[in-house]
Amino acid sequence: MGLAQKFPRDAIGSYHDHIVIMPTEDGRLGLAGVEGLNLHLWSLMASIDGLVTWTHERVIDLENFLAPEVVAATFNFWVEPIGFAEDAGVIFIYVHPSVYMIHLKSMQIEEVPEKGNYSSILPYTSFYAPGNYRWWWRRSS
């Protein structure tokens, strides 16, 4: 059975098929969807008897965080979750033509400077392994 088959179908429809798969704060599988101006966070929970179900964890009213002119623009455009940065605990929300980052722990919101038409964001974090490595590169003659 696939993820979509287990998730409540009426919820997927109310999110206009726009969901973001993400981990929950405690490491379980989660997802987010937006209905109107409400960001819904879900998690996959296993009960004692082994039954696995989706649980509605939290609802965030975006109207409390977005500027009034952005809220007014949502009457013409859907609000869509388009990405998640796990290391930062940030979900990206698209409201045409802007993208907003919502820091889920602090509930701070920031507008991403570049405007445009976005359907998804795939954030990445650069890293390196500390140590004493020497890289040799030799030109071929």
C-alpha atoms as a PDB file:
ATOM      1  CA  MET A   1       0.000   0.000   0.000  1.00  0.00           C
ATOM      2  CA  GLY A   2       1.481   3.364  -1.008  1.00  0.00           C
ATOM      3  CA  LEU A   3       1.726   6.556   1.011  1.00  0.00           C
ATOM      4  CA  ALA A   4      -1.203   8.177  -0.806  1.00  0.00           C
ATOM      5  CA  GLN A   5      -3.401   5.124  -0.212  1.00  0.00           C
ATOM      6  CA  LYS A   6      -2.863   5.286   3.545  1.00  0.00           C
ATOM      7  CA  PHE A   7      -3.286   9.045   3.840  1.00  0.00           C
ATOM      8  CA  PRO A   8      -6.901  10.249   4.148  1.00  0.00           C
ATOM      9  CA  ARG A   9      -8.047  10.932   0.586  1.00  0.00           C
ATOM     10  CA  ASP A  10     -10.292  13.826   1.578  1.00  0.00           C
ATOM     11  CA  ALA A  11      -7.274  15.582   3.098  1.00  0.00           C
ATOM     12  CA  ILE A  12      -5.213  15.179  -0.077  1.00  0.00           C
ATOM     13  CA  GLY A  13      -8.070  16.697  -2.081  1.00  0.00           C
ATOM     14  CA  SER A  14      -8.393  19.635   0.303  1.00  0.00           C
ATOM     15  CA  TYR A  15      -4.678  20.346  -0.194  1.00  0.00           C
ATOM     16  CA  HIS A  16      -5.167  20.401  -3.999  1.00  0.00           C
ATOM     17  CA  ASP A  17      -2.699  17.482  -4.236  1.00  0.00           C
ATOM     18  CA  HIS A  18       0.130  19.724  -2.966  1.00  0.00           C
ATOM     19  CA  ILE A  19       1.831  18.099   0.000  1.00  0.00           C
ATOM     20  CA  VAL A  20       5.403  18.053   1.285  1.00  0.00           C
ATOM     21  CA  ILE A  21       6.846  14.924   2.862  1.00  0.00           C
ATOM     22  CA  MET A  22       9.016  15.766   5.854  1.00  0.00           C
ATOM     23  CA  PRO A  23      10.217  14.328   9.143  1.00  0.00           C
ATOM     24  CA  THR A  24       8.486  15.257  12.372  1.00  0.00           C
ATOM     25  CA  GLU A  25      10.408  16.788  15.281  1.00  0.00           C
ATOM     26  CA  ASP A  26      10.808  13.323  16.816  1.00  0.00           C
ATOM     27  CA  GLY A  27      11.966  11.708  13.560  1.00  0.00           C
ATOM     28  CA  ARG A  28       8.765  10.054  12.355  1.00  0.00           C
ATOM     29  CA  LEU A  29       7.465  10.361   8.814  1.00  0.00           C
ATOM     30  CA  GLY A  30       5.363  13.483   8.409  1.00  0.00           C
ATOM     31  CA  LEU A  31       3.781  15.633   5.790  1.00  0.00           C
ATOM     32  CA  ALA A  32       2.393  19.109   5.402  1.00  0.00           C
ATOM     33  CA  GLY A  33      -0.481  20.521   3.385  1.00  0.00           C
ATOM     34  CA  VAL A  34      -2.204  23.887   3.206  1.00  0.00           C
ATOM     35  CA  GLU A  35      -5.959  24.342   3.204  1.00  0.00           C
ATOM     36  CA  GLY A  36      -6.968  27.961   2.775  1.00  0.00           C
ATOM     37  CA  LEU A  37      -4.576  29.780   5.106  1.00  0.00           C
ATOM     38  CA  ASN A  38      -4.052  26.855   7.465  1.00  0.00           C
ATOM     39  CA  LEU A  39      -0.839  24.824   7.368  1.00  0.00           C
ATOM     40  CA  HIS A  40      -1.626  21.266   8.498  1.00  0.00           C
ATOM     41  CA  LEU A  41       1.145  19.040   9.862  1.00  0.00           C
ATOM     42  CA  TRP A  42       0.592  15.266   9.981  1.00  0.00           C
ATOM     43  CA  SER A  43       2.643  12.340  11.261  1.00  0.00           C
ATOM     44  CA  LEU A  44       2.573   8.601  10.706  1.00  0.00           C
ATOM     45  CA  MET A  45       1.946   6.861  14.035  1.00  0.00           C
ATOM     46  CA  ALA A  46       2.018   3.203  14.986  1.00  0.00           C
ATOM     47  CA  SER A  47      -0.280   2.069  17.788  1.00  0.00           C
ATOM     48  CA  ILE A  48       0.510  -0.631  20.324  1.00  0.00           C
ATOM     49  CA  ASP A  49      -1.389  -3.201  18.248  1.00  0.00           C
ATOM     50  CA  GLY A  50       0.715  -2.336  15.181  1.00  0.00           C
ATOM     51  CA  LEU A  51      -1.919  -0.344  13.312  1.00  0.00           C
ATOM     52  CA  VAL A  52      -0.254   2.512  11.406  1.00  0.00           C
ATOM     53  CA  THR A  53      -2.339   5.644  10.812  1.00  0.00           C
ATOM     54  CA  TRP A  54      -1.879   9.284   9.927  1.00  0.00           C
ATOM     55  CA  THR A  55      -2.409  11.630  12.874  1.00  0.00           C
ATOM     56  CA  HIS A  56      -3.223  15.314  12.538  1.00  0.00           C
ATOM     57  CA  GLU A  57      -0.508  16.872  14.717  1.00  0.00           C
ATOM     58  CA  ARG A  58      -0.815  20.627  14.349  1.00  0.00           C
ATOM     59  CA  VAL A  59      -2.562  23.422  12.464  1.00  0.00           C
ATOM     60  CA  ILE A  60      -0.820  26.760  11.948  1.00  0.00           C
ATOM     61  CA  ASP A  61      -2.961  29.742  10.956  1.00  0.00           C
ATOM     62  CA  LEU A  62      -0.807  31.511   8.351  1.00  0.00           C
ATOM     63  CA  GLU A  63      -2.980  34.617   8.500  1.00  0.00           C
ATOM     64  CA  ASN A  64      -1.293  35.388  11.843  1.00  0.00           C
ATOM     65  CA  PHE A  65       2.142  35.450  10.182  1.00  0.00           C
ATOM     66  CA  LEU A  66       1.663  36.838   6.685  1.00  0.00           C
ATOM     67  CA  ALA A  67       1.337  40.542   5.870  1.00  0.00           C
ATOM     68  CA  PRO A  68      -2.230  41.752   5.148  1.00  0.00           C
ATOM     69  CA  GLU A  69      -1.461  42.340   1.462  1.00  0.00           C
ATOM     70  CA  VAL A  70      -0.181  38.758   1.146  1.00  0.00           C
ATOM     71  CA  VAL A  71      -3.322  37.436   2.819  1.00  0.00           C
ATOM     72  CA  ALA A  72      -5.410  39.475   0.369  1.00  0.00           C
ATOM     73  CA  ALA A  73      -3.500  37.914  -2.555  1.00  0.00           C
ATOM     74  CA  THR A  74      -4.500  34.414  -1.395  1.00  0.00           C
ATOM     75  CA  PHE A  75      -8.029  35.029  -2.686  1.00  0.00           C
ATOM     76  CA  ASN A  76      -6.613  34.773  -6.234  1.00  0.00           C
ATOM     77  CA  PHE A  77      -3.913  32.139  -5.671  1.00  0.00           C
ATOM     78  CA  TRP A  78      -3.519  28.950  -3.665  1.00  0.00           C
ATOM     79  CA  VAL A  79      -1.072  28.815  -0.823  1.00  0.00           C
ATOM     80  CA  GLU A  80       1.134  25.762  -1.376  1.00  0.00           C
ATOM     81  CA  PRO A  81       3.843  24.007   0.596  1.00  0.00           C
ATOM     82  CA  ILE A  82       6.760  23.534  -1.812  1.00  0.00           C
ATOM     83  CA  GLY A  83       9.694  22.268   0.249  1.00  0.00           C
ATOM     84  CA  PHE A  84      11.267  21.459   3.586  1.00  0.00           C
ATOM     85  CA  ALA A  85      14.809  22.000   4.908  1.00  0.00           C
ATOM     86  CA  GLU A  86      15.327  19.305   7.517  1.00  0.00           C
ATOM     87  CA  ASP A  87      18.502  20.702   9.087  1.00  0.00           C
ATOM     88  CA  ALA A  88      16.906  24.118   9.578  1.00  0.00           C
ATOM     89  CA  GLY A  89      13.384  22.926  10.483  1.00  0.00           C
ATOM     90  CA  VAL A  90      11.991  25.238   7.795  1.00  0.00           C
ATOM     91  CA  ILE A  91       9.020  24.681   5.524  1.00  0.00           C
ATOM     92  CA  PHE A  92       8.716  26.708   2.323  1.00  0.00           C
ATOM     93  CA  ILE A  93       5.296  28.110   1.389  1.00  0.00           C
ATOM     94  CA  TYR A  94       4.493  29.619  -2.007  1.00  0.00           C
ATOM     95  CA  VAL A  95       2.056  32.505  -2.370  1.00  0.00           C
ATOM     96  CA  HIS A  96       2.316  33.882  -5.903  1.00  0.00           C
ATOM     97  CA  PRO A  97       4.802  35.440  -6.626  1.00  0.00           C
ATOM     98  CA  SER A  98       6.679  34.974  -3.325  1.00  0.00           C
ATOM     99  CA  VAL A  99       8.153  32.142  -1.301  1.00  0.00           C
ATOM    100  CA  TYR A 100       8.137  32.266   2.497  1.00  0.00           C
ATOM    101  CA  MET A 101      10.246  30.254   4.928  1.00  0.00           C
ATOM    102  CA  ILE A 102       8.497  29.299   8.155  1.00  0.00           C
ATOM    103  CA  HIS A 103      10.795  28.223  10.977  1.00  0.00           C
ATOM    104  CA  LEU A 104       8.619  25.634  12.708  1.00  0.00           C
ATOM    105  CA  LYS A 105      10.273  25.853  16.142  1.00  0.00           C
ATOM    106  CA  SER A 106      10.356  29.641  16.511  1.00  0.00           C
ATOM    107  CA  MET A 107       7.374  30.326  14.208  1.00  0.00           C
ATOM    108  CA  GLN A 108       9.371  33.114  12.551  1.00  0.00           C
ATOM    109  CA  ILE A 109       8.608  33.778   8.890  1.00  0.00           C
ATOM    110  CA  GLU A 110      10.892  35.220   6.228  1.00  0.00           C
ATOM    111  CA  GLU A 111      10.253  36.114   2.614  1.00  0.00           C
ATOM    112  CA  VAL A 112      12.743  34.599   0.166  1.00  0.00           C
ATOM    113  CA  PRO A 113      14.255  37.479  -1.859  1.00  0.00           C
ATOM    114  CA  GLU A 114      13.799  35.974  -5.341  1.00  0.00           C
ATOM    115  CA  LYS A 115      10.255  36.132  -6.656  1.00  0.00           C
ATOM    116  CA  GLY A 116       9.018  33.828  -9.396  1.00  0.00           C
ATOM    117  CA  ASN A 117       6.833  30.861 -10.241  1.00  0.00           C
ATOM    118  CA  TYR A 118       7.889  27.977  -8.019  1.00  0.00           C
ATOM    119  CA  SER A 119       6.431  24.497  -7.813  1.00  0.00           C
ATOM    120  CA  SER A 120       9.041  22.961  -5.512  1.00  0.00           C
ATOM    121  CA  ILE A 121      12.189  23.766  -3.599  1.00  0.00           C
ATOM    122  CA  LEU A 122      14.811  21.123  -2.878  1.00  0.00           C
ATOM    123  CA  PRO A 123      17.130  22.679  -0.304  1.00  0.00           C
ATOM    124  CA  TYR A 124      20.538  21.205   0.368  1.00  0.00           C
ATOM    125  CA  THR A 125      23.229  21.778   2.951  1.00  0.00           C
ATOM    126  CA  SER A 126      26.887  21.734   2.061  1.00  0.00           C
ATOM    127  CA  PHE A 127      29.222  19.835   4.328  1.00  0.00           C
ATOM    128  CA  TYR A 128      32.733  18.527   4.661  1.00  0.00           C
ATOM    129  CA  ALA A 129      34.368  15.789   6.685  1.00  0.00           C
ATOM    130  CA  PRO A 130      36.950  17.282   9.065  1.00  0.00           C
ATOM    131  CA  GLY A 131      40.345  15.669   9.026  1.00  0.00           C
ATOM    132  CA  ASN A 132      43.775  15.786   7.502  1.00  0.00           C
ATOM    133  CA  TYR A 133      43.151  14.892   3.910  1.00  0.00           C
ATOM    134  CA  ARG A 134      45.476  15.694   1.091  1.00  0.00           C
ATOM    135  CA  TRP A 135      44.123  15.750  -2.391  1.00  0.00           C
ATOM    136  CA  TRP A 136      46.595  15.300  -5.191  1.00  0.00           C
ATOM    137  CA  TRP A 137      45.810  16.220  -8.682  1.00  0.00           C
ATOM    138  CA  ARG A 138      48.343  15.513 -11.330  1.00  0.00           C
ATOM    139  CA  ARG A 139      48.234  16.911 -14.814  1.00  0.00           C
ATOM    140  CA  SER A 140      48.653  14.373 -17.508  1.00  0.00           C
ATOM    141  CA  SER A 141      51.491  15.113 -19.896  1.00  0.00           C
END
